[in-house]
Amino acid sequence: MPVLCEIFLDKTRDGVHRSGEPVRGTMVYSVDKPTKFESIYMSFVGKGKCRWSESDGDDNRYYENKEEYVNQSCNVLHSRSDNKIPAGRYEFPFQFFLPHEIPASFKNRTCCIQYKITAEFVKAKFFNATSKFVKEVPVYAYVSRTSVEPLHFGLHKDLFSLTSNQKVIVKAVLDKTIAAPGENFTIKLTINNDSGLNVIIKTKLYRCFTYISSSKSKKVEKEAVKDTASATTIKERSVSNLMFTVPVLPSLYSIQHTKIMTGEYKVRVKIDLPFPHFNEEVEVPVAIGERRDRLGLDDLVLDEQPSSSKEHIGEKKYDENWVNLRVS
């Protein structure tokens, strides 16, 4: 019977782990007879990879990039000289650390950023007798704002007219440039419609993902985020003071701290004009995610320091042999 193994992660406050914090858990494994292993290792690895193709006539060009964010390991059997384990069930507590400057977990058809814990059992004197067990670790990464807040911006549209100068001026104030998933952005607008036309002021949130290959080629995907649009009609020759709310869905999250992609969001304010006039719009970048400086004291990990992205973990913390680990 092969070795049986399962990796359990300690519970967190919402089921995810955050950058700069420890990842703790227990590996439970069992063997039904005395078994000699060459090694039993646990590793914690975070990697990102993007890949896409572009068609140029009859030729397809492929682009890709990859990056490693964390690589830590510990040796379960480092204190056992002959590495022979009696039959039984064993528990091995482990602890890894997430660096501060890493991206959140992410996956779509072009890019994948994943963090995984792997337990690897290698039997002695057996060719390719290796058993691997994998546990994915969902990770949230703290994000940084991309501009000052509150953010002041605006629009100025001159309209062609044979009789008089006509213009629409919009002054806007965005209350913040970073919001947690589930929060809202608020925009205060002052619209001076000094024209003979009714105009429509629209706001909407956009998602913009940019993938970056190892050769610095880029692929950009931009789309409107559903259920974030608002619109109001402004009458001719009027001044209006309005407030718009741009909702942030709980599933949205910015991707920062990686060279293979950027995952950002933009708030668009648009002056929608009737034909034959051209519309005018402006987009301001915003970040969506958790900010470390907004955490309460109960959320901070005060007794642990994050490790570097590459090092061996566990040799000092888990100086135990198989007798200490055996539970049945």
C-alpha atoms as a PDB file:
ATOM      1  CA  MET A   1       0.000   0.000   0.000  1.00  0.00           C
ATOM      2  CA  PRO A   2       1.488   3.446  -0.901  1.00  0.00           C
ATOM      3  CA  VAL A   3       1.984   6.214   1.604  1.00  0.00           C
ATOM      4  CA  LEU A   4      -1.171   8.156   2.405  1.00  0.00           C
ATOM      5  CA  CYS A   5      -0.911  11.878   3.009  1.00  0.00           C
ATOM      6  CA  GLU A   6      -3.108  14.929   3.454  1.00  0.00           C
ATOM      7  CA  ILE A   7      -2.106  18.542   4.024  1.00  0.00           C
ATOM      8  CA  PHE A   8      -4.275  20.651   6.331  1.00  0.00           C
ATOM      9  CA  LEU A   9      -4.001  24.444   6.563  1.00  0.00           C
ATOM     10  CA  ASP A  10      -4.790  26.257   9.786  1.00  0.00           C
ATOM     11  CA  LYS A  11      -7.972  28.292   9.513  1.00  0.00           C
ATOM     12  CA  THR A  12      -7.711  32.006   8.805  1.00  0.00           C
ATOM     13  CA  ARG A  13     -10.314  34.682   9.419  1.00  0.00           C
ATOM     14  CA  ASP A  14     -11.783  34.413   5.915  1.00  0.00           C
ATOM     15  CA  GLY A  15     -10.193  31.363   4.330  1.00  0.00           C
ATOM     16  CA  VAL A  16      -7.268  33.097   2.615  1.00  0.00           C
ATOM     17  CA  HIS A  17      -3.666  33.894   3.513  1.00  0.00           C
ATOM     18  CA  ARG A  18      -2.133  37.339   3.168  1.00  0.00           C
ATOM     19  CA  SER A  19       1.227  38.615   2.040  1.00  0.00           C
ATOM     20  CA  GLY A  20       3.726  39.096   4.849  1.00  0.00           C
ATOM     21  CA  GLU A  21       2.016  36.556   7.090  1.00  0.00           C
ATOM     22  CA  PRO A  22       2.750  32.934   8.056  1.00  0.00           C
ATOM     23  CA  VAL A  23       1.126  29.904   6.464  1.00  0.00           C
ATOM     24  CA  ARG A  24       0.683  27.256   9.142  1.00  0.00           C
ATOM     25  CA  GLY A  25      -0.744  23.781   9.032  1.00  0.00           C
ATOM     26  CA  THR A  26      -0.209  20.079   9.593  1.00  0.00           C
ATOM     27  CA  MET A  27       0.799  17.312   7.231  1.00  0.00           C
ATOM     28  CA  VAL A  28      -0.785  13.991   8.208  1.00  0.00           C
ATOM     29  CA  TYR A  29       0.679  10.871   6.616  1.00  0.00           C
ATOM     30  CA  SER A  30       0.669   7.137   7.268  1.00  0.00           C
ATOM     31  CA  VAL A  31       2.410   3.933   6.172  1.00  0.00           C
ATOM     32  CA  ASP A  32       1.034   0.423   6.755  1.00  0.00           C
ATOM     33  CA  LYS A  33       4.455  -1.214   7.118  1.00  0.00           C
ATOM     34  CA  PRO A  34       8.019  -0.150   7.965  1.00  0.00           C
ATOM     35  CA  THR A  35       9.197   1.903   5.006  1.00  0.00           C
ATOM     36  CA  LYS A  36      12.564   3.396   4.210  1.00  0.00           C
ATOM     37  CA  PHE A  37      12.497   6.780   2.528  1.00  0.00           C
ATOM     38  CA  GLU A  38      15.388   8.549   0.911  1.00  0.00           C
ATOM     39  CA  SER A  39      13.710  11.834   1.773  1.00  0.00           C
ATOM     40  CA  ILE A  40      10.447  13.441   2.792  1.00  0.00           C
ATOM     41  CA  TYR A  41      10.332  17.093   1.894  1.00  0.00           C
ATOM     42  CA  MET A  42       7.722  19.806   2.101  1.00  0.00           C
ATOM     43  CA  SER A  43       7.981  22.830  -0.137  1.00  0.00           C
ATOM     44  CA  PHE A  44       6.029  26.055  -0.459  1.00  0.00           C
ATOM     45  CA  VAL A  45       6.274  27.579  -3.916  1.00  0.00           C
ATOM     46  CA  GLY A  46       4.538  30.535  -5.514  1.00  0.00           C
ATOM     47  CA  LYS A  47       4.823  30.961  -9.278  1.00  0.00           C
ATOM     48  CA  GLY A  48       3.263  32.988 -12.038  1.00  0.00           C
ATOM     49  CA  LYS A  49       3.111  32.308 -15.760  1.00  0.00           C
ATOM     50  CA  CYS A  50       1.496  34.024 -18.712  1.00  0.00           C
ATOM     51  CA  ARG A  51       1.243  32.742 -22.276  1.00  0.00           C
ATOM     52  CA  TRP A  52      -0.602  33.861 -25.397  1.00  0.00           C
ATOM     53  CA  SER A  53      -0.352  33.733 -29.168  1.00  0.00           C
ATOM     54  CA  GLU A  54      -0.888  36.266 -31.933  1.00  0.00           C
ATOM     55  CA  SER A  55      -1.607  35.504 -35.554  1.00  0.00           C
ATOM     56  CA  ASP A  56       0.317  37.275 -38.310  1.00  0.00           C
ATOM     57  CA  GLY A  57      -1.076  35.930 -41.543  1.00  0.00           C
ATOM     58  CA  ASP A  58      -0.171  32.253 -41.698  1.00  0.00           C
ATOM     59  CA  ASP A  59       2.230  32.468 -38.771  1.00  0.00           C
ATOM     60  CA  ASN A  60       1.473  32.260 -35.081  1.00  0.00           C
ATOM     61  CA  ARG A  61       3.752  33.977 -32.631  1.00  0.00           C
ATOM     62  CA  TYR A  62       3.841  32.780 -29.050  1.00  0.00           C
ATOM     63  CA  TYR A  63       4.660  34.950 -26.074  1.00  0.00           C
ATOM     64  CA  GLU A  64       5.227  33.922 -22.500  1.00  0.00           C
ATOM     65  CA  ASN A  65       6.798  34.923 -19.227  1.00  0.00           C
ATOM     66  CA  LYS A  66       7.199  33.406 -15.795  1.00  0.00           C
ATOM     67  CA  GLU A  67       8.220  34.461 -12.319  1.00  0.00           C
ATOM     68  CA  GLU A  68       8.779  32.923  -8.902  1.00  0.00           C
ATOM     69  CA  TYR A  69       7.554  34.705  -5.767  1.00  0.00           C
ATOM     70  CA  VAL A  70       8.361  32.317  -2.954  1.00  0.00           C
ATOM     71  CA  ASN A  71      10.338  29.074  -2.654  1.00  0.00           C
ATOM     72  CA  GLN A  72      10.755  27.566   0.805  1.00  0.00           C
ATOM     73  CA  SER A  73      11.242  23.993   1.981  1.00  0.00           C
ATOM     74  CA  CYS A  74      11.688  21.847   5.064  1.00  0.00           C
ATOM     75  CA  ASN A  75      13.029  18.333   5.536  1.00  0.00           C
ATOM     76  CA  VAL A  76      10.713  16.109   7.543  1.00  0.00           C
ATOM     77  CA  LEU A  77      13.383  13.438   8.088  1.00  0.00           C
ATOM     78  CA  HIS A  78      16.471  15.558   8.689  1.00  0.00           C
ATOM     79  CA  SER A  79      17.085  14.137  12.183  1.00  0.00           C
ATOM     80  CA  ARG A  80      16.584  10.469  11.261  1.00  0.00           C
ATOM     81  CA  SER A  81      19.839   8.717  10.282  1.00  0.00           C
ATOM     82  CA  ASP A  82      18.479   5.614   8.522  1.00  0.00           C
ATOM     83  CA  ASN A  83      15.198   7.275   7.391  1.00  0.00           C
ATOM     84  CA  LYS A  84      13.191   4.103   8.068  1.00  0.00           C
ATOM     85  CA  ILE A  85       9.730   4.821   9.388  1.00  0.00           C
ATOM     86  CA  PRO A  86       7.749   2.227  11.372  1.00  0.00           C
ATOM     87  CA  ALA A  87       4.155   1.575  10.379  1.00  0.00           C
ATOM     88  CA  GLY A  88       1.796   4.164  11.799  1.00  0.00           C
ATOM     89  CA  ARG A  89       0.157   7.528  11.391  1.00  0.00           C
ATOM     90  CA  TYR A  90       2.193  10.707  11.759  1.00  0.00           C
ATOM     91  CA  GLU A  91       1.548  14.413  12.059  1.00  0.00           C
ATOM     92  CA  PHE A  92       4.081  17.033  11.037  1.00  0.00           C
ATOM     93  CA  PRO A  93       3.302  20.674  11.896  1.00  0.00           C
ATOM     94  CA  PHE A  94       4.765  23.141   9.424  1.00  0.00           C
ATOM     95  CA  GLN A  95       5.128  26.861   9.029  1.00  0.00           C
ATOM     96  CA  PHE A  96       6.051  28.863   5.946  1.00  0.00           C
ATOM     97  CA  PHE A  97       6.015  32.590   5.309  1.00  0.00           C
ATOM     98  CA  LEU A  98       4.605  34.758   2.553  1.00  0.00           C
ATOM     99  CA  PRO A  99       6.839  37.678   1.513  1.00  0.00           C
ATOM    100  CA  HIS A 100       5.370  41.173   1.517  1.00  0.00           C
ATOM    101  CA  GLU A 101       5.785  42.150  -2.132  1.00  0.00           C
ATOM    102  CA  ILE A 102       3.887  39.408  -3.962  1.00  0.00           C
ATOM    103  CA  PRO A 103       0.786  39.326  -6.174  1.00  0.00           C
ATOM    104  CA  ALA A 104      -2.538  37.800  -5.197  1.00  0.00           C
ATOM    105  CA  SER A 105      -3.660  34.421  -6.524  1.00  0.00           C
ATOM    106  CA  PHE A 106      -5.049  34.786 -10.022  1.00  0.00           C
ATOM    107  CA  LYS A 107      -6.121  32.594 -12.914  1.00  0.00           C
ATOM    108  CA  ASN A 108      -7.614  33.094 -16.357  1.00  0.00           C
ATOM    109  CA  ARG A 109      -6.962  31.785 -19.871  1.00  0.00           C
ATOM    110  CA  THR A 110      -3.803  33.880 -20.284  1.00  0.00           C
ATOM    111  CA  CYS A 111      -2.183  34.021 -16.866  1.00  0.00           C
ATOM    112  CA  CYS A 112      -1.986  31.939 -13.706  1.00  0.00           C
ATOM    113  CA  ILE A 113      -0.507  32.945 -10.336  1.00  0.00           C
ATOM    114  CA  GLN A 114      -0.624  30.127  -7.775  1.00  0.00           C
ATOM    115  CA  TYR A 115       0.818  29.255  -4.397  1.00  0.00           C
ATOM    116  CA  LYS A 116       1.139  25.565  -3.488  1.00  0.00           C
ATOM    117  CA  ILE A 117       2.445  23.401  -0.676  1.00  0.00           C
ATOM    118  CA  THR A 118       3.843  20.078  -1.888  1.00  0.00           C
ATOM    119  CA  ALA A 119       4.789  17.031   0.178  1.00  0.00           C
ATOM    120  CA  GLU A 120       7.202  14.709  -1.614  1.00  0.00           C
ATOM    121  CA  PHE A 121       7.986  11.178  -0.425  1.00  0.00           C
ATOM    122  CA  VAL A 122      10.956   9.509  -2.145  1.00  0.00           C
ATOM    123  CA  LYS A 123      11.473   5.807  -1.380  1.00  0.00           C
ATOM    124  CA  ALA A 124      15.033   4.577  -1.069  1.00  0.00           C
ATOM    125  CA  LYS A 125      16.438   2.233  -3.746  1.00  0.00           C
ATOM    126  CA  PHE A 126      13.370   2.567  -5.950  1.00  0.00           C
ATOM    127  CA  PHE A 127      13.566   4.143  -9.386  1.00  0.00           C
ATOM    128  CA  ASN A 128      10.984   6.936  -9.733  1.00  0.00           C
ATOM    129  CA  ALA A 129       9.261   5.785  -6.540  1.00  0.00           C
ATOM    130  CA  THR A 130       8.115   9.276  -5.622  1.00  0.00           C
ATOM    131  CA  SER A 131       4.721  10.219  -4.240  1.00  0.00           C
ATOM    132  CA  LYS A 132       3.609  13.862  -4.338  1.00  0.00           C
ATOM    133  CA  PHE A 133       0.723  15.514  -2.535  1.00  0.00           C
ATOM    134  CA  VAL A 134      -0.277  19.097  -3.283  1.00  0.00           C
ATOM    135  CA  LYS A 135      -2.343  21.694  -1.434  1.00  0.00           C
ATOM    136  CA  GLU A 136      -3.138  25.031  -3.049  1.00  0.00           C
ATOM    137  CA  VAL A 137      -2.920  28.093  -0.813  1.00  0.00           C
ATOM    138  CA  PRO A 138      -5.265  30.974  -1.739  1.00  0.00           C
ATOM    139  CA  VAL A 139      -3.411  34.254  -1.262  1.00  0.00           C
ATOM    140  CA  TYR A 140      -4.530  37.863  -0.962  1.00  0.00           C
ATOM    141  CA  ALA A 141      -1.819  40.467  -1.420  1.00  0.00           C
ATOM    142  CA  TYR A 142      -2.005  43.921   0.068  1.00  0.00           C
ATOM    143  CA  VAL A 143      -2.191  46.641  -2.570  1.00  0.00           C
ATOM    144  CA  SER A 144      -0.902  50.192  -2.744  1.00  0.00           C
ATOM    145  CA  ARG A 145      -2.770  53.197  -4.056  1.00  0.00           C
ATOM    146  CA  THR A 146      -1.683  54.469  -7.445  1.00  0.00           C
ATOM    147  CA  SER A 147      -2.358  58.198  -6.922  1.00  0.00           C
ATOM    148  CA  VAL A 148      -3.145  60.784  -4.254  1.00  0.00           C
ATOM    149  CA  GLU A 149      -6.518  60.940  -2.550  1.00  0.00           C
ATOM    150  CA  PRO A 150      -8.883  62.614  -2.758  1.00  0.00           C
ATOM    151  CA  LEU A 151      -8.180  62.882  -6.464  1.00  0.00           C
ATOM    152  CA  HIS A 152      -9.209  66.032  -8.353  1.00  0.00           C
ATOM    153  CA  PHE A 153      -9.685  65.833 -12.111  1.00  0.00           C
ATOM    154  CA  GLY A 154     -12.002  67.125 -14.800  1.00  0.00           C
ATOM    155  CA  LEU A 155     -13.191  67.452 -18.381  1.00  0.00           C
ATOM    156  CA  HIS A 156     -13.488  70.408 -20.745  1.00  0.00           C
ATOM    157  CA  LYS A 157     -15.403  70.074 -23.997  1.00  0.00           C
ATOM    158  CA  ASP A 158     -15.717  72.908 -26.530  1.00  0.00           C
ATOM    159  CA  LEU A 159     -18.626  72.500 -28.930  1.00  0.00           C
ATOM    160  CA  PHE A 160     -18.568  73.863 -32.445  1.00  0.00           C
ATOM    161  CA  SER A 161     -21.192  76.502 -33.090  1.00  0.00           C
ATOM    162  CA  LEU A 162     -21.588  79.231 -35.719  1.00  0.00           C
ATOM    163  CA  THR A 163     -23.440  81.570 -33.377  1.00  0.00           C
ATOM    164  CA  SER A 164     -21.675  81.404 -29.998  1.00  0.00           C
ATOM    165  CA  ASN A 165     -19.045  79.683 -27.914  1.00  0.00           C
ATOM    166  CA  GLN A 166     -20.469  76.611 -26.244  1.00  0.00           C
ATOM    167  CA  LYS A 167     -18.733  74.353 -23.772  1.00  0.00           C
ATOM    168  CA  VAL A 168     -19.264  71.745 -21.095  1.00  0.00           C
ATOM    169  CA  ILE A 169     -16.982  71.773 -18.058  1.00  0.00           C
ATOM    170  CA  VAL A 170     -16.901  68.965 -15.509  1.00  0.00           C
ATOM    171  CA  LYS A 171     -14.997  69.227 -12.234  1.00  0.00           C
ATOM    172  CA  ALA A 172     -14.678  65.948 -10.342  1.00  0.00           C
ATOM    173  CA  VAL A 173     -13.408  64.794  -6.964  1.00  0.00           C
ATOM    174  CA  LEU A 174     -12.871  61.076  -6.321  1.00  0.00           C
ATOM    175  CA  ASP A 175     -13.047  60.434  -2.568  1.00  0.00           C
ATOM    176  CA  LYS A 176     -10.350  57.726  -2.591  1.00  0.00           C
ATOM    177  CA  THR A 177      -8.125  55.893  -5.043  1.00  0.00           C
ATOM    178  CA  ILE A 178      -8.078  52.536  -3.268  1.00  0.00           C
ATOM    179  CA  ALA A 179     -11.066  50.526  -2.055  1.00  0.00           C
ATOM    180  CA  ALA A 180     -11.501  47.123  -0.491  1.00  0.00           C
ATOM    181  CA  PRO A 181     -13.593  44.546  -2.370  1.00  0.00           C
ATOM    182  CA  GLY A 182     -17.236  45.277  -1.605  1.00  0.00           C
ATOM    183  CA  GLU A 183     -16.697  48.976  -0.899  1.00  0.00           C
ATOM    184  CA  ASN A 184     -17.651  51.896  -3.157  1.00  0.00           C
ATOM    185  CA  PHE A 185     -15.920  54.795  -4.837  1.00  0.00           C
ATOM    186  CA  THR A 186     -17.740  58.126  -4.606  1.00  0.00           C
ATOM    187  CA  ILE A 187     -17.365  60.890  -7.204  1.00  0.00           C
ATOM    188  CA  LYS A 188     -18.567  64.446  -6.608  1.00  0.00           C
ATOM    189  CA  LEU A 189     -19.223  66.271  -9.870  1.00  0.00           C
ATOM    190  CA  THR A 190     -19.883  69.896 -10.710  1.00  0.00           C
ATOM    191  CA  ILE A 191     -21.158  70.156 -14.292  1.00  0.00           C
ATOM    192  CA  ASN A 192     -21.380  73.508 -16.038  1.00  0.00           C
ATOM    193  CA  ASN A 193     -23.335  72.879 -19.222  1.00  0.00           C
ATOM    194  CA  ASP A 194     -22.839  76.187 -21.014  1.00  0.00           C
ATOM    195  CA  SER A 195     -24.344  74.923 -24.254  1.00  0.00           C
ATOM    196  CA  GLY A 196     -27.677  74.655 -25.987  1.00  0.00           C
ATOM    197  CA  LEU A 197     -27.679  70.863 -25.756  1.00  0.00           C
ATOM    198  CA  ASN A 198     -28.789  68.356 -23.190  1.00  0.00           C
ATOM    199  CA  VAL A 199     -25.823  66.146 -22.337  1.00  0.00           C
ATOM    200  CA  ILE A 200     -25.500  62.886 -20.437  1.00  0.00           C
ATOM    201  CA  ILE A 201     -22.860  62.347 -17.763  1.00  0.00           C
ATOM    202  CA  LYS A 202     -21.868  58.700 -17.376  1.00  0.00           C
ATOM    203  CA  THR A 203     -19.615  56.891 -14.924  1.00  0.00           C
ATOM    204  CA  LYS A 204     -18.394  53.306 -15.108  1.00  0.00           C
ATOM    205  CA  LEU A 205     -15.667  51.043 -13.732  1.00  0.00           C
ATOM    206  CA  TYR A 206     -13.302  49.318 -16.168  1.00  0.00           C
ATOM    207  CA  ARG A 207     -10.957  46.375 -15.738  1.00  0.00           C
ATOM    208  CA  CYS A 208      -7.623  46.555 -17.551  1.00  0.00           C
ATOM    209  CA  PHE A 209      -5.269  43.556 -17.562  1.00  0.00           C
ATOM    210  CA  THR A 210      -1.893  43.925 -19.263  1.00  0.00           C
ATOM    211  CA  TYR A 211       0.215  40.806 -19.810  1.00  0.00           C
ATOM    212  CA  ILE A 212       3.957  41.252 -20.325  1.00  0.00           C
ATOM    213  CA  SER A 213       6.146  38.679 -22.061  1.00  0.00           C
ATOM    214  CA  SER A 214       9.827  38.062 -21.418  1.00  0.00           C
ATOM    215  CA  SER A 215      10.548  40.022 -24.615  1.00  0.00           C
ATOM    216  CA  LYS A 216       8.490  42.969 -23.261  1.00  0.00           C
ATOM    217  CA  SER A 217       5.651  42.423 -25.725  1.00  0.00           C
ATOM    218  CA  LYS A 218       2.281  43.238 -24.213  1.00  0.00           C
ATOM    219  CA  LYS A 219      -1.251  42.016 -24.514  1.00  0.00           C
ATOM    220  CA  VAL A 220      -3.965  44.310 -23.168  1.00  0.00           C
ATOM    221  CA  GLU A 221      -7.478  43.201 -22.241  1.00  0.00           C
ATOM    222  CA  LYS A 222      -9.945  45.888 -21.242  1.00  0.00           C
ATOM    223  CA  GLU A 223     -13.608  45.521 -20.418  1.00  0.00           C
ATOM    224  CA  ALA A 224     -16.349  47.260 -18.495  1.00  0.00           C
ATOM    225  CA  VAL A 225     -17.234  45.786 -15.125  1.00  0.00           C
ATOM    226  CA  LYS A 226     -20.882  44.763 -15.037  1.00  0.00           C
ATOM    227  CA  ASP A 227     -23.358  46.593 -12.787  1.00  0.00           C
ATOM    228  CA  THR A 228     -21.109  49.611 -12.196  1.00  0.00           C
ATOM    229  CA  ALA A 229     -22.598  52.125 -14.669  1.00  0.00           C
ATOM    230  CA  SER A 230     -24.525  55.287 -13.785  1.00  0.00           C
ATOM    231  CA  ALA A 231     -25.911  58.079 -15.978  1.00  0.00           C
ATOM    232  CA  THR A 232     -27.667  61.431 -15.514  1.00  0.00           C
ATOM    233  CA  THR A 233     -28.974  63.937 -18.058  1.00  0.00           C
ATOM    234  CA  ILE A 234     -27.821  67.541 -17.639  1.00  0.00           C
ATOM    235  CA  LYS A 235     -30.091  70.170 -19.136  1.00  0.00           C
ATOM    236  CA  GLU A 236     -28.833  72.923 -21.408  1.00  0.00           C
ATOM    237  CA  ARG A 237     -27.565  76.166 -19.848  1.00  0.00           C
ATOM    238  CA  SER A 238     -27.445  74.736 -16.349  1.00  0.00           C
ATOM    239  CA  VAL A 239     -25.060  74.028 -13.490  1.00  0.00           C
ATOM    240  CA  SER A 240     -25.473  70.783 -11.553  1.00  0.00           C
ATOM    241  CA  ASN A 241     -23.821  69.339  -8.472  1.00  0.00           C
ATOM    242  CA  LEU A 242     -24.060  65.557  -8.418  1.00  0.00           C
ATOM    243  CA  MET A 243     -22.682  62.582  -6.558  1.00  0.00           C
ATOM    244  CA  PHE A 244     -22.090  59.238  -8.248  1.00  0.00           C
ATOM    245  CA  THR A 245     -21.371  55.922  -6.570  1.00  0.00           C
ATOM    246  CA  VAL A 246     -19.146  53.416  -8.354  1.00  0.00           C
ATOM    247  CA  PRO A 247     -19.692  50.001  -6.728  1.00  0.00           C
ATOM    248  CA  VAL A 248     -16.802  47.582  -6.229  1.00  0.00           C
ATOM    249  CA  LEU A 249     -17.877  43.952  -6.446  1.00  0.00           C
ATOM    250  CA  PRO A 250     -16.465  41.585  -3.781  1.00  0.00           C
ATOM    251  CA  SER A 251     -14.788  39.493  -6.495  1.00  0.00           C
ATOM    252  CA  LEU A 252     -12.609  42.338  -7.815  1.00  0.00           C
ATOM    253  CA  TYR A 253      -8.932  42.617  -6.884  1.00  0.00           C
ATOM    254  CA  SER A 254      -5.947  44.476  -8.313  1.00  0.00           C
ATOM    255  CA  ILE A 255      -2.827  42.522  -9.260  1.00  0.00           C
ATOM    256  CA  GLN A 256       0.417  44.243  -8.269  1.00  0.00           C
ATOM    257  CA  HIS A 257       4.026  43.281  -7.457  1.00  0.00           C
ATOM    258  CA  THR A 258       4.652  41.073 -10.490  1.00  0.00           C
ATOM    259  CA  LYS A 259       6.531  41.530 -13.765  1.00  0.00           C
ATOM    260  CA  ILE A 260       4.334  39.225 -15.864  1.00  0.00           C
ATOM    261  CA  MET A 261       1.135  41.296 -15.674  1.00  0.00           C
ATOM    262  CA  THR A 262      -0.645  44.280 -14.213  1.00  0.00           C
ATOM    263  CA  GLY A 263      -4.249  44.020 -13.134  1.00  0.00           C
ATOM    264  CA  GLU A 264      -5.692  47.476 -12.623  1.00  0.00           C
ATOM    265  CA  TYR A 265      -9.031  49.241 -12.599  1.00  0.00           C
ATOM    266  CA  LYS A 266     -10.084  52.625 -13.929  1.00  0.00           C
ATOM    267  CA  VAL A 267     -13.032  54.892 -13.194  1.00  0.00           C
ATOM    268  CA  ARG A 268     -14.341  56.548 -16.347  1.00  0.00           C
ATOM    269  CA  VAL A 269     -16.290  59.815 -16.437  1.00  0.00           C
ATOM    270  CA  LYS A 270     -17.828  60.546 -19.824  1.00  0.00           C
ATOM    271  CA  ILE A 271     -19.684  63.436 -21.441  1.00  0.00           C
ATOM    272  CA  ASP A 272     -22.115  61.810 -23.875  1.00  0.00           C
ATOM    273  CA  LEU A 273     -23.067  64.281 -26.609  1.00  0.00           C
ATOM    274  CA  PRO A 274     -25.677  64.055 -29.365  1.00  0.00           C
ATOM    275  CA  PHE A 275     -24.623  63.628 -33.001  1.00  0.00           C
ATOM    276  CA  PRO A 276     -22.633  65.115 -34.713  1.00  0.00           C
ATOM    277  CA  HIS A 277     -20.513  66.048 -31.697  1.00  0.00           C
ATOM    278  CA  PHE A 278     -17.798  63.763 -30.375  1.00  0.00           C
ATOM    279  CA  ASN A 279     -17.958  62.501 -26.822  1.00  0.00           C
ATOM    280  CA  GLU A 280     -15.344  63.432 -24.226  1.00  0.00           C
ATOM    281  CA  GLU A 281     -14.091  61.170 -21.450  1.00  0.00           C
ATOM    282  CA  VAL A 282     -11.384  60.735 -18.856  1.00  0.00           C
ATOM    283  CA  GLU A 283     -10.196  57.663 -16.946  1.00  0.00           C
ATOM    284  CA  VAL A 284      -8.456  57.698 -13.578  1.00  0.00           C
ATOM    285  CA  PRO A 285      -6.640  54.638 -12.171  1.00  0.00           C
ATOM    286  CA  VAL A 286      -7.793  53.115  -8.898  1.00  0.00           C
ATOM    287  CA  ALA A 287      -6.651  50.137  -6.858  1.00  0.00           C
ATOM    288  CA  ILE A 288      -8.935  47.465  -5.415  1.00  0.00           C
ATOM    289  CA  GLY A 289      -7.781  45.351  -2.502  1.00  0.00           C
ATOM    290  CA  GLU A 290      -6.805  45.454   1.136  1.00  0.00           C
ATOM    291  CA  ARG A 291      -4.387  48.030   2.514  1.00  0.00           C
ATOM    292  CA  ARG A 292      -2.021  46.963   5.249  1.00  0.00           C
ATOM    293  CA  ASP A 293      -2.295  50.317   7.026  1.00  0.00           C
ATOM    294  CA  ARG A 294      -6.066  49.856   7.363  1.00  0.00           C
ATOM    295  CA  LEU A 295      -5.800  46.646   9.377  1.00  0.00           C
ATOM    296  CA  GLY A 296      -6.732  46.559  13.022  1.00  0.00           C
ATOM    297  CA  LEU A 297      -4.362  45.360  15.699  1.00  0.00           C
ATOM    298  CA  ASP A 298      -6.129  42.018  15.909  1.00  0.00           C
ATOM    299  CA  ASP A 299      -5.367  41.382  12.229  1.00  0.00           C
ATOM    300  CA  LEU A 300      -1.650  42.042  12.427  1.00  0.00           C
ATOM    301  CA  VAL A 301       0.858  39.270  12.982  1.00  0.00           C
ATOM    302  CA  LEU A 302       3.136  40.803  15.606  1.00  0.00           C
ATOM    303  CA  ASP A 303       5.174  37.800  16.668  1.00  0.00           C
ATOM    304  CA  GLU A 304       6.424  36.588  13.291  1.00  0.00           C
ATOM    305  CA  GLN A 305       8.687  38.077  10.653  1.00  0.00           C
ATOM    306  CA  PRO A 306       8.277  37.144   6.990  1.00  0.00           C
ATOM    307  CA  SER A 307      11.102  35.272   5.401  1.00  0.00           C
ATOM    308  CA  SER A 308      12.910  36.081   2.239  1.00  0.00           C
ATOM    309  CA  SER A 309      11.506  34.613  -0.957  1.00  0.00           C
ATOM    310  CA  LYS A 310      13.989  31.724  -0.985  1.00  0.00           C
ATOM    311  CA  GLU A 311      15.190  29.844   2.061  1.00  0.00           C
ATOM    312  CA  HIS A 312      14.867  26.593   3.926  1.00  0.00           C
ATOM    313  CA  ILE A 313      12.262  26.616   6.662  1.00  0.00           C
ATOM    314  CA  GLY A 314      11.858  24.056   9.367  1.00  0.00           C
ATOM    315  CA  GLU A 315      15.336  22.788  10.181  1.00  0.00           C
ATOM    316  CA  LYS A 316      15.419  24.766  13.415  1.00  0.00           C
ATOM    317  CA  LYS A 317      11.736  25.009  14.184  1.00  0.00           C
ATOM    318  CA  TYR A 318      10.946  21.316  13.758  1.00  0.00           C
ATOM    319  CA  ASP A 319      13.888  19.472  15.252  1.00  0.00           C
ATOM    320  CA  GLU A 320      11.849  16.347  15.884  1.00  0.00           C
ATOM    321  CA  ASN A 321      12.284  12.741  14.818  1.00  0.00           C
ATOM    322  CA  TRP A 322       9.702  10.185  13.740  1.00  0.00           C
ATOM    323  CA  VAL A 323       8.962   9.120  17.340  1.00  0.00           C
ATOM    324  CA  ASN A 324       7.766  12.608  18.236  1.00  0.00           C
ATOM    325  CA  LEU A 325       5.635  12.825  15.110  1.00  0.00           C
ATOM    326  CA  ARG A 326       3.909   9.470  15.479  1.00  0.00           C
ATOM    327  CA  VAL A 327       0.311   9.689  16.737  1.00  0.00           C
ATOM    328  CA  SER A 328      -0.980   6.128  16.193  1.00  0.00           C
END
